[in-house]
Structure formats: structure tokens, C-alpha cells
C-alpha atoms as a PDB file:
ATOM      1  CA  MET A   1     -23.606 -19.534 -44.318  1.00  0.00           C
ATOM      2  CA  TYR A   2     -26.376 -17.348 -42.989  1.00  0.00           C
ATOM      3  CA  ALA A   3     -28.736 -20.314 -42.726  1.00  0.00           C
ATOM      4  CA  LEU A   4     -26.754 -21.571 -39.754  1.00  0.00           C
ATOM      5  CA  GLN A   5     -28.103 -18.722 -37.637  1.00  0.00           C
ATOM      6  CA  ALA A   6     -30.578 -20.010 -35.092  1.00  0.00           C
ATOM      7  CA  PHE A   7     -32.805 -16.983 -35.270  1.00  0.00           C
ATOM      8  CA  LEU A   8     -33.944 -16.852 -38.887  1.00  0.00           C
ATOM      9  CA  ILE A   9     -37.707 -16.451 -39.231  1.00  0.00           C
ATOM     10  CA  VAL A  10     -40.249 -15.495 -41.874  1.00  0.00           C
ATOM     11  CA  VAL A  11     -41.606 -12.046 -41.041  1.00  0.00           C
ATOM     12  CA  GLY A  12     -43.859  -9.287 -42.377  1.00  0.00           C
ATOM     13  CA  ARG A  13     -42.771  -5.813 -43.345  1.00  0.00           C
ATOM     14  CA  SER A  14     -44.851  -4.212 -40.599  1.00  0.00           C
ATOM     15  CA  LEU A  15     -42.336  -5.011 -37.876  1.00  0.00           C
ATOM     16  CA  PHE A  16     -39.913  -2.369 -39.139  1.00  0.00           C
ATOM     17  CA  SER A  17     -42.247   0.347 -37.903  1.00  0.00           C
ATOM     18  CA  GLU A  18     -41.254  -0.883 -34.467  1.00  0.00           C
ATOM     19  CA  VAL A  19     -37.512  -1.255 -34.881  1.00  0.00           C
ATOM     20  CA  ASN A  20     -36.908   1.842 -36.998  1.00  0.00           C
ATOM     21  CA  ALA A  21     -37.230   4.035 -33.924  1.00  0.00           C
ATOM     22  CA  HIS A  22     -33.729   2.945 -32.871  1.00  0.00           C
ATOM     23  CA  SER A  23     -31.962   4.498 -35.873  1.00  0.00           C
ATOM     24  CA  ASN A  24     -31.144   7.886 -34.350  1.00  0.00           C
ATOM     25  CA  VAL A  25     -28.078   6.892 -32.316  1.00  0.00           C
ATOM     26  CA  SER A  26     -24.933   8.407 -33.819  1.00  0.00           C
ATOM     27  CA  VAL A  27     -21.399   7.076 -33.432  1.00  0.00           C
ATOM     28  CA  LEU A  28     -19.930   8.903 -36.426  1.00  0.00           C
ATOM     29  CA  GLY A  29     -20.907  12.518 -35.845  1.00  0.00           C
ATOM     30  CA  ASP A  30     -21.034  14.363 -39.178  1.00  0.00           C
ATOM     31  CA  LYS A  31     -18.803  11.857 -40.949  1.00  0.00           C
ATOM     32  CA  VAL A  32     -20.345   9.773 -43.740  1.00  0.00           C
ATOM     33  CA  LEU A  33     -18.328   6.637 -44.428  1.00  0.00           C
ATOM     34  CA  PRO A  34     -17.915   5.217 -47.961  1.00  0.00           C
ATOM     35  CA  ILE A  35     -19.659   2.020 -46.822  1.00  0.00           C
ATOM     36  CA  VAL A  36     -22.931   3.960 -46.565  1.00  0.00           C
ATOM     37  CA  GLY A  37     -22.918   4.504 -50.330  1.00  0.00           C
ATOM     38  CA  VAL A  38     -22.645   0.759 -50.949  1.00  0.00           C
ATOM     39  CA  PHE A  39     -25.890   0.024 -49.137  1.00  0.00           C
ATOM     40  CA  ASN A  40     -27.733   3.192 -50.149  1.00  0.00           C
ATOM     41  CA  THR A  41     -29.534   1.593 -53.082  1.00  0.00           C
ATOM     42  CA  SER A  42     -33.054   0.403 -53.802  1.00  0.00           C
ATOM     43  CA  GLN A  43     -31.597  -2.470 -55.815  1.00  0.00           C
ATOM     44  CA  ARG A  44     -31.061  -5.891 -54.351  1.00  0.00           C
ATOM     45  CA  LEU A  45     -27.478  -6.452 -53.265  1.00  0.00           C
ATOM     46  CA  TRP A  46     -26.557 -10.010 -54.177  1.00  0.00           C
ATOM     47  CA  LEU A  47     -23.947 -12.120 -52.445  1.00  0.00           C
ATOM     48  CA  TYR A  48     -22.189 -13.247 -55.608  1.00  0.00           C
ATOM     49  CA  GLN A  49     -19.076 -14.998 -54.373  1.00  0.00           C
ATOM     50  CA  VAL A  50     -17.220 -16.046 -51.219  1.00  0.00           C
ATOM     51  CA  ASN A  51     -13.847 -17.590 -50.516  1.00  0.00           C
ATOM     52  CA  GLN A  52     -14.353 -21.233 -49.754  1.00  0.00           C
ATOM     53  CA  SER A  53     -12.605 -21.521 -46.415  1.00  0.00           C
ATOM     54  CA  PHE A  54     -15.624 -23.522 -45.218  1.00  0.00           C
ATOM     55  CA  PRO A  55     -18.129 -25.873 -46.899  1.00  0.00           C
ATOM     56  CA  LEU A  56     -20.581 -24.072 -49.173  1.00  0.00           C
ATOM     57  CA  ASN A  57     -23.196 -26.656 -48.264  1.00  0.00           C
ATOM     58  CA  GLU A  58     -23.450 -30.055 -46.653  1.00  0.00           C
ATOM     59  CA  THR A  59     -23.000 -31.918 -49.920  1.00  0.00           C
ATOM     60  CA  GLN A  60     -19.502 -30.578 -50.489  1.00  0.00           C
ATOM     61  CA  PRO A  61     -16.535 -31.692 -48.375  1.00  0.00           C
ATOM     62  CA  GLU A  62     -14.584 -29.123 -46.400  1.00  0.00           C
ATOM     63  CA  GLN A  63     -11.297 -28.161 -47.998  1.00  0.00           C
ATOM     64  CA  GLU A  64      -8.160 -27.235 -46.115  1.00  0.00           C
ATOM     65  CA  THR A  65      -7.155 -23.673 -46.986  1.00  0.00           C
ATOM     66  CA  ASP A  66      -4.263 -21.495 -45.911  1.00  0.00           C
ATOM     67  CA  ILE A  67      -6.153 -18.310 -45.033  1.00  0.00           C
ATOM     68  CA  SER A  68      -2.915 -16.442 -44.323  1.00  0.00           C
ATOM     69  CA  ALA A  69      -1.787 -16.609 -47.939  1.00  0.00           C
ATOM     70  CA  PRO A  70      -4.172 -14.786 -50.293  1.00  0.00           C
ATOM     71  CA  GLY A  71      -3.628 -15.295 -53.972  1.00  0.00           C
ATOM     72  CA  PRO A  72      -5.387 -15.758 -57.313  1.00  0.00           C
ATOM     73  CA  SER A  73      -7.136 -18.983 -58.173  1.00  0.00           C
ATOM     74  CA  ASN A  74      -8.252 -20.233 -61.568  1.00  0.00           C
ATOM     75  CA  LYS A  75     -10.823 -22.555 -60.028  1.00  0.00           C
ATOM     76  CA  SER A  76     -14.178 -21.983 -58.396  1.00  0.00           C
ATOM     77  CA  VAL A  77     -17.002 -23.967 -56.849  1.00  0.00           C
ATOM     78  CA  ALA A  78     -20.678 -23.248 -57.526  1.00  0.00           C
ATOM     79  CA  ALA A  79     -23.408 -23.719 -54.925  1.00  0.00           C
ATOM     80  CA  ILE A  80     -26.402 -24.388 -57.162  1.00  0.00           C
ATOM     81  CA  GLY A  81     -29.684 -23.309 -55.609  1.00  0.00           C
ATOM     82  CA  THR A  82     -28.129 -20.895 -53.119  1.00  0.00           C
ATOM     83  CA  CYS A  83     -29.408 -17.331 -53.554  1.00  0.00           C
ATOM     84  CA  ILE A  84     -28.735 -14.599 -50.963  1.00  0.00           C
ATOM     85  CA  PHE A  85     -29.347 -10.870 -51.163  1.00  0.00           C
ATOM     86  CA  PHE A  86     -29.850  -7.749 -49.033  1.00  0.00           C
ATOM     87  CA  LYS A  87     -32.846  -5.498 -49.604  1.00  0.00           C
ATOM     88  CA  MET A  88     -32.813  -2.060 -47.993  1.00  0.00           C
ATOM     89  CA  TYR A  89     -35.729  -0.870 -45.912  1.00  0.00           C
ATOM     90  CA  ASN A  90     -34.220   2.309 -44.461  1.00  0.00           C
ATOM     91  CA  ILE A  91     -30.787   3.898 -44.242  1.00  0.00           C
ATOM     92  CA  SER A  92     -29.042   6.863 -42.650  1.00  0.00           C
ATOM     93  CA  LYS A  93     -25.389   7.808 -42.215  1.00  0.00           C
ATOM     94  CA  ASN A  94     -25.367   5.692 -39.044  1.00  0.00           C
ATOM     95  CA  ASP A  95     -27.827   2.851 -39.579  1.00  0.00           C
ATOM     96  CA  TYR A  96     -28.940   0.383 -42.228  1.00  0.00           C
ATOM     97  CA  TYR A  97     -32.188  -1.545 -41.845  1.00  0.00           C
ATOM     98  CA  PHE A  98     -32.578  -4.353 -44.336  1.00  0.00           C
ATOM     99  CA  TRP A  99     -34.029  -7.731 -45.149  1.00  0.00           C
ATOM    100  CA  LEU A 100     -31.663 -10.653 -45.505  1.00  0.00           C
ATOM    101  CA  ASN A 101     -33.263 -12.936 -48.081  1.00  0.00           C
ATOM    102  CA  GLU A 102     -32.015 -16.495 -48.451  1.00  0.00           C
ATOM    103  CA  SER A 103     -33.050 -19.359 -50.682  1.00  0.00           C
ATOM    104  CA  TYR A 104     -31.453 -22.798 -50.649  1.00  0.00           C
ATOM    105  CA  VAL A 105     -34.347 -24.688 -52.237  1.00  0.00           C
ATOM    106  CA  LYS A 106     -36.129 -23.542 -55.391  1.00  0.00           C
ATOM    107  CA  ASN A 107     -39.365 -21.608 -54.782  1.00  0.00           C
ATOM    108  CA  TYR A 108     -38.750 -21.352 -51.037  1.00  0.00           C
ATOM    109  CA  ALA A 109     -37.141 -18.311 -49.438  1.00  0.00           C
ATOM    110  CA  ILE A 110     -36.473 -17.040 -45.928  1.00  0.00           C
ATOM    111  CA  SER A 111     -36.608 -13.327 -45.182  1.00  0.00           C
ATOM    112  CA  SER A 112     -35.285 -11.983 -41.886  1.00  0.00           C
ATOM    113  CA  PRO A 113     -34.990  -8.413 -40.541  1.00  0.00           C
ATOM    114  CA  HIS A 114     -31.540  -7.044 -39.768  1.00  0.00           C
ATOM    115  CA  HIS A 115     -29.923  -3.864 -38.488  1.00  0.00           C
ATOM    116  CA  GLY A 116     -26.477  -2.667 -39.483  1.00  0.00           C
ATOM    117  CA  LYS A 117     -24.655  -0.040 -37.419  1.00  0.00           C
ATOM    118  CA  PHE A 118     -21.967   1.800 -39.380  1.00  0.00           C
ATOM    119  CA  VAL A 119     -18.621   2.178 -37.602  1.00  0.00           C
ATOM    120  CA  ASN A 120     -15.051   3.035 -38.542  1.00  0.00           C
ATOM    121  CA  GLY A 121     -13.081   0.237 -40.159  1.00  0.00           C
ATOM    122  CA  THR A 122      -9.633  -0.987 -39.162  1.00  0.00           C
ATOM    123  CA  ARG A 123      -8.141  -1.907 -42.555  1.00  0.00           C
ATOM    124  CA  GLN A 124      -8.974   0.253 -45.584  1.00  0.00           C
ATOM    125  CA  HIS A 125     -10.801   2.998 -43.655  1.00  0.00           C
ATOM    126  CA  LEU A 126     -13.816   2.578 -45.912  1.00  0.00           C
ATOM    127  CA  GLY A 127     -16.005   1.727 -42.955  1.00  0.00           C
ATOM    128  CA  ALA A 128     -17.488  -1.336 -41.337  1.00  0.00           C
ATOM    129  CA  MET A 129     -20.908  -2.471 -40.164  1.00  0.00           C
ATOM    130  CA  ASN A 130     -21.925  -4.259 -36.984  1.00  0.00           C
ATOM    131  CA  VAL A 131     -24.734  -6.588 -38.048  1.00  0.00           C
ATOM    132  CA  SER A 132     -27.571  -7.702 -35.778  1.00  0.00           C
ATOM    133  CA  PHE A 133     -30.551  -9.948 -36.355  1.00  0.00           C
ATOM    134  CA  ILE A 134     -33.817  -8.383 -35.158  1.00  0.00           C
ATOM    135  CA  GLU A 135     -35.942 -10.744 -33.121  1.00  0.00           C
ATOM    136  CA  THR A 136     -39.525  -9.584 -32.646  1.00  0.00           C
ATOM    137  CA  TRP A 137     -42.405 -10.680 -30.503  1.00  0.00           C
ATOM    138  CA  SER A 138     -46.080  -9.873 -30.043  1.00  0.00           C
ATOM    139  CA  ARG A 139     -48.377 -10.660 -27.142  1.00  0.00           C
ATOM    140  CA  TRP A 140     -52.095  -9.944 -27.398  1.00  0.00           C
ATOM    141  CA  SER A 141     -54.751 -10.030 -24.718  1.00  0.00           C
ATOM    142  CA  SER A 142     -57.181 -12.923 -25.176  1.00  0.00           C
ATOM    143  CA  GLU A 143     -60.052 -10.740 -23.977  1.00  0.00           C
ATOM    144  CA  SER A 144     -59.961  -8.398 -26.976  1.00  0.00           C
ATOM    145  CA  GLU A 145     -61.304  -9.260 -30.417  1.00  0.00           C
ATOM    146  CA  ASP A 146     -60.072  -6.086 -32.070  1.00  0.00           C
ATOM    147  CA  ALA A 147     -56.289  -5.902 -32.439  1.00  0.00           C
ATOM    148  CA  GLU A 148     -56.401  -2.105 -32.693  1.00  0.00           C
ATOM    149  CA  GLU A 149     -58.043  -1.875 -29.293  1.00  0.00           C
ATOM    150  CA  ASP A 150     -55.836  -4.523 -27.766  1.00  0.00           C
ATOM    151  CA  ASP A 151     -53.627  -3.649 -24.834  1.00  0.00           C
ATOM    152  CA  GLY A 152     -51.066  -6.299 -25.702  1.00  0.00           C
ATOM    153  CA  ASP A 153     -47.463  -5.283 -26.275  1.00  0.00           C
ATOM    154  CA  GLU A 154     -44.986  -5.660 -29.094  1.00  0.00           C
ATOM    155  CA  GLY A 155     -41.262  -5.416 -29.050  1.00  0.00           C
ATOM    156  CA  SER A 156     -37.974  -6.427 -30.561  1.00  0.00           C
ATOM    157  CA  ALA A 157     -34.490  -7.379 -29.488  1.00  0.00           C
ATOM    158  CA  GLU A 158     -31.311  -7.210 -31.521  1.00  0.00           C
ATOM    159  CA  VAL A 159     -28.891 -10.124 -31.596  1.00  0.00           C
ATOM    160  CA  PRO A 160     -25.419  -9.013 -32.816  1.00  0.00           C
ATOM    161  CA  TYR A 161     -23.532 -11.702 -34.690  1.00  0.00           C
ATOM    162  CA  GLU A 162     -20.961 -10.360 -37.164  1.00  0.00           C
ATOM    163  CA  ILE A 163     -18.868  -7.440 -38.396  1.00  0.00           C
ATOM    164  CA  MET A 164     -18.636  -6.667 -42.112  1.00  0.00           C
ATOM    165  CA  GLU A 165     -15.726  -4.448 -43.115  1.00  0.00           C
ATOM    166  CA  LEU A 166     -15.587  -2.888 -46.577  1.00  0.00           C
ATOM    167  CA  ILE A 167     -12.272  -3.692 -48.273  1.00  0.00           C
ATOM    168  CA  TYR A 168     -12.868  -2.597 -51.867  1.00  0.00           C
ATOM    169  CA  THR A 169     -15.686  -0.902 -53.758  1.00  0.00           C
ATOM    170  CA  ASP A 170     -16.393   0.593 -57.171  1.00  0.00           C
ATOM    171  CA  HIS A 171     -19.516   1.108 -59.277  1.00  0.00           C
ATOM    172  CA  MET A 172     -19.508  -2.600 -60.187  1.00  0.00           C
ATOM    173  CA  CYS A 173     -19.004  -4.432 -56.903  1.00  0.00           C
ATOM    174  CA  SER A 174     -18.166  -4.303 -53.209  1.00  0.00           C
ATOM    175  CA  LEU A 175     -15.850  -6.642 -51.303  1.00  0.00           C
ATOM    176  CA  PHE A 176     -16.171  -7.275 -47.565  1.00  0.00           C
ATOM    177  CA  PHE A 177     -14.365  -9.170 -44.844  1.00  0.00           C
ATOM    178  CA  ALA A 178     -16.992 -10.778 -42.586  1.00  0.00           C
ATOM    179  CA  GLN A 179     -15.999 -11.685 -39.022  1.00  0.00           C
ATOM    180  CA  PRO A 180     -18.229 -13.528 -36.520  1.00  0.00           C
ATOM    181  CA  MET A 181     -18.402 -11.581 -33.257  1.00  0.00           C
ATOM    182  CA  SER A 182     -18.342 -14.830 -31.319  1.00  0.00           C
ATOM    183  CA  LYS A 183     -15.053 -15.853 -32.987  1.00  0.00           C
ATOM    184  CA  PRO A 184     -12.877 -12.715 -33.140  1.00  0.00           C
ATOM    185  CA  HIS A 185      -9.699 -14.710 -33.793  1.00  0.00           C
ATOM    186  CA  GLN A 186     -11.160 -16.681 -36.685  1.00  0.00           C
ATOM    187  CA  PRO A 187      -9.947 -15.578 -40.139  1.00  0.00           C
ATOM    188  CA  PRO A 188     -12.564 -13.429 -41.888  1.00  0.00           C
ATOM    189  CA  VAL A 189     -14.569 -14.680 -44.841  1.00  0.00           C
ATOM    190  CA  CYS A 190     -14.506 -12.688 -48.078  1.00  0.00           C
ATOM    191  CA  ARG A 191     -17.864 -11.771 -49.610  1.00  0.00           C
ATOM    192  CA  LEU A 192     -18.314 -10.127 -52.990  1.00  0.00           C
ATOM    193  CA  TYR A 193     -21.613  -8.280 -53.551  1.00  0.00           C
ATOM    194  CA  LEU A 194     -23.143  -7.062 -56.820  1.00  0.00           C
ATOM    195  CA  THR A 195     -26.333  -5.106 -57.463  1.00  0.00           C
ATOM    196  CA  ASP A 196     -29.226  -6.199 -59.687  1.00  0.00           C
ATOM    197  CA  SER A 197     -27.901  -4.138 -62.579  1.00  0.00           C
ATOM    198  CA  GLU A 198     -24.468  -5.803 -62.498  1.00  0.00           C
ATOM    199  CA  VAL A 199     -24.958  -9.314 -61.169  1.00  0.00           C
ATOM    200  CA  LYS A 200     -25.947 -11.002 -64.445  1.00  0.00           C
ATOM    201  CA  LYS A 201     -22.756  -9.718 -66.084  1.00  0.00           C
ATOM    202  CA  GLY A 202     -20.650 -11.030 -63.228  1.00  0.00           C
ATOM    203  CA  PRO A 203     -17.763  -9.241 -61.519  1.00  0.00           C
ATOM    204  CA  SER A 204     -15.513  -6.958 -63.550  1.00  0.00           C
ATOM    205  CA  GLU A 205     -11.795  -7.568 -63.964  1.00  0.00           C
ATOM    206  CA  ASN A 206     -11.034  -5.066 -61.198  1.00  0.00           C
ATOM    207  CA  CYS A 207     -13.472  -6.807 -58.854  1.00  0.00           C
ATOM    208  CA  THR A 208     -12.004 -10.208 -59.619  1.00  0.00           C
ATOM    209  CA  ASN A 209      -8.438  -8.974 -59.177  1.00  0.00           C
ATOM    210  CA  SER A 210      -9.318  -7.392 -55.849  1.00  0.00           C
ATOM    211  CA  PHE A 211     -10.953 -10.605 -54.666  1.00  0.00           C
ATOM    212  CA  ASN A 212      -8.032 -12.769 -55.766  1.00  0.00           C
ATOM    213  CA  SER A 213      -5.419 -10.493 -54.191  1.00  0.00           C
ATOM    214  CA  LYS A 214      -7.138 -10.227 -50.811  1.00  0.00           C
ATOM    215  CA  CYS A 215      -8.990 -13.524 -50.371  1.00  0.00           C
ATOM    216  CA  ALA A 216      -7.471 -16.951 -49.844  1.00  0.00           C
ATOM    217  CA  GLY A 217      -8.975 -20.246 -50.837  1.00  0.00           C
ATOM    218  CA  MET A 218     -11.054 -21.429 -53.757  1.00  0.00           C
ATOM    219  CA  PRO A 219     -13.799 -18.952 -54.780  1.00  0.00           C
ATOM    220  CA  GLY A 220     -17.314 -20.192 -54.199  1.00  0.00           C
ATOM    221  CA  VAL A 221     -19.819 -18.688 -56.644  1.00  0.00           C
ATOM    222  CA  LEU A 222     -23.301 -18.466 -55.137  1.00  0.00           C
ATOM    223  CA  TYR A 223     -25.318 -16.453 -57.642  1.00  0.00           C
ATOM    224  CA  ASN A 224     -26.721 -18.410 -60.600  1.00  0.00           C
ATOM    225  CA  GLU A 225     -29.534 -18.187 -63.147  1.00  0.00           C
ATOM    226  CA  THR A 226     -32.089 -19.575 -60.672  1.00  0.00           C
ATOM    227  CA  CYS A 227     -31.655 -16.529 -58.423  1.00  0.00           C
ATOM    228  CA  ASN A 228     -33.461 -14.009 -60.641  1.00  0.00           C
ATOM    229  CA  TYR A 229     -36.836 -13.948 -58.876  1.00  0.00           C
END
């Protein structure tokens, strides 16, 4: 899962004043992709369910799955204590700045800044997003006692790591294929996202049918009652 990334850090909201300056680069022209509407919300966007083509956590054994043969499953695996959501900071037709919030232990969460660049998709033409982690740094002069008068510098660097392509969306849910950039030939992982207003009710029948028809392997349900914080 996301926790395997080497760059996750706990950060303050102030750093986005630095990185937001990069959001004016356009690759879409006047076109607004449907994927933009998925992320254009002030609600938290919860990662509700994945297809278990990999271990959900270290306590569960890896299961062999035929990724090439999607189909419905009447079983699922729950990862108790795992809570993951996106929280928007800023969005345009080209860019999505957000916090990736993760919790794997109760009362302890990791929040990391990310940048999504919207691009054309290759499957359903709903759009895709190149996702980068934002790594920041700050260096202050030891001779100054006042940070506002300091001549130190601040900066950030983006570390691209995956592509999320929108496969299905309605007012209840959104389904993505997630592909690591470092492993372009690896089968994508399915991720089903629900907003705050829908997540407690769970996915609708249409959402579930879409997931089952497009995603192989046993569903892994991440969201649970401990995630409402």
C-alpha cells in the first residue's frame, strides 16, 4: 500500500504555498476531463476497497490471483485499522494538490503532500492522473534569530510514482486502475473510492458490479468504523 513509499513524512499545511506555484502548466488545453469532477470536492475521498492481488498487510499471506481474468467474488478480506483518504487542497482542470492521509495504527496518522497532473486516459477516456509525492526542504541561516528576516531558502521536489486511471464513476463512487510508474508491465491494482457522504453506506450495487466486472482477485475492504475521525 501507500505506506511502502519511502518518502512519506508528517508535514504542515504551509508548504503548499510553495508548491502551488507549479499548477499553471497545461497539457489539456480547454478540455476538462471527467476525472477532474471526481476530485473536485471538499469532502474526504476514502479508499474503500482494493482487489487483493497483493497482501493487504504483513499479517495476511499473499494469495495467488489470476489478474487477467476479472470476475465477481462473493468473498472479501478486511484490513482492520487501515484508513486511507485524499483531502483536496487546490484543484484546476490540469492539477490536483492534495493530502494523502494514512492510518495503520489507531490514533496515529501520516499526512503527506501530493500533486496529481491530469492527463488523457487510455481505456475509458475518462481521464487519468500522474501522481507525485512532494518532498520539501528548508534551510535557515544560523546567524538569524527571526525567520522572517532569514535569508535561508525553501524548496520542493516532486517524486512521480504512479498513474491512476479512472475506469468508472457515478455520484456514489469512483473506480481507478493504479499502475506504478516503476513497473509499467505489472497488472494494475483496482481502487474504489467513496466520499464522506457515501462511505458509511458502502458501495452501491452499480459500484460493486463495476468493481467485480473489471477487477480480479478477492476484494480487500479497507474502510471500517474506526476510520471516522
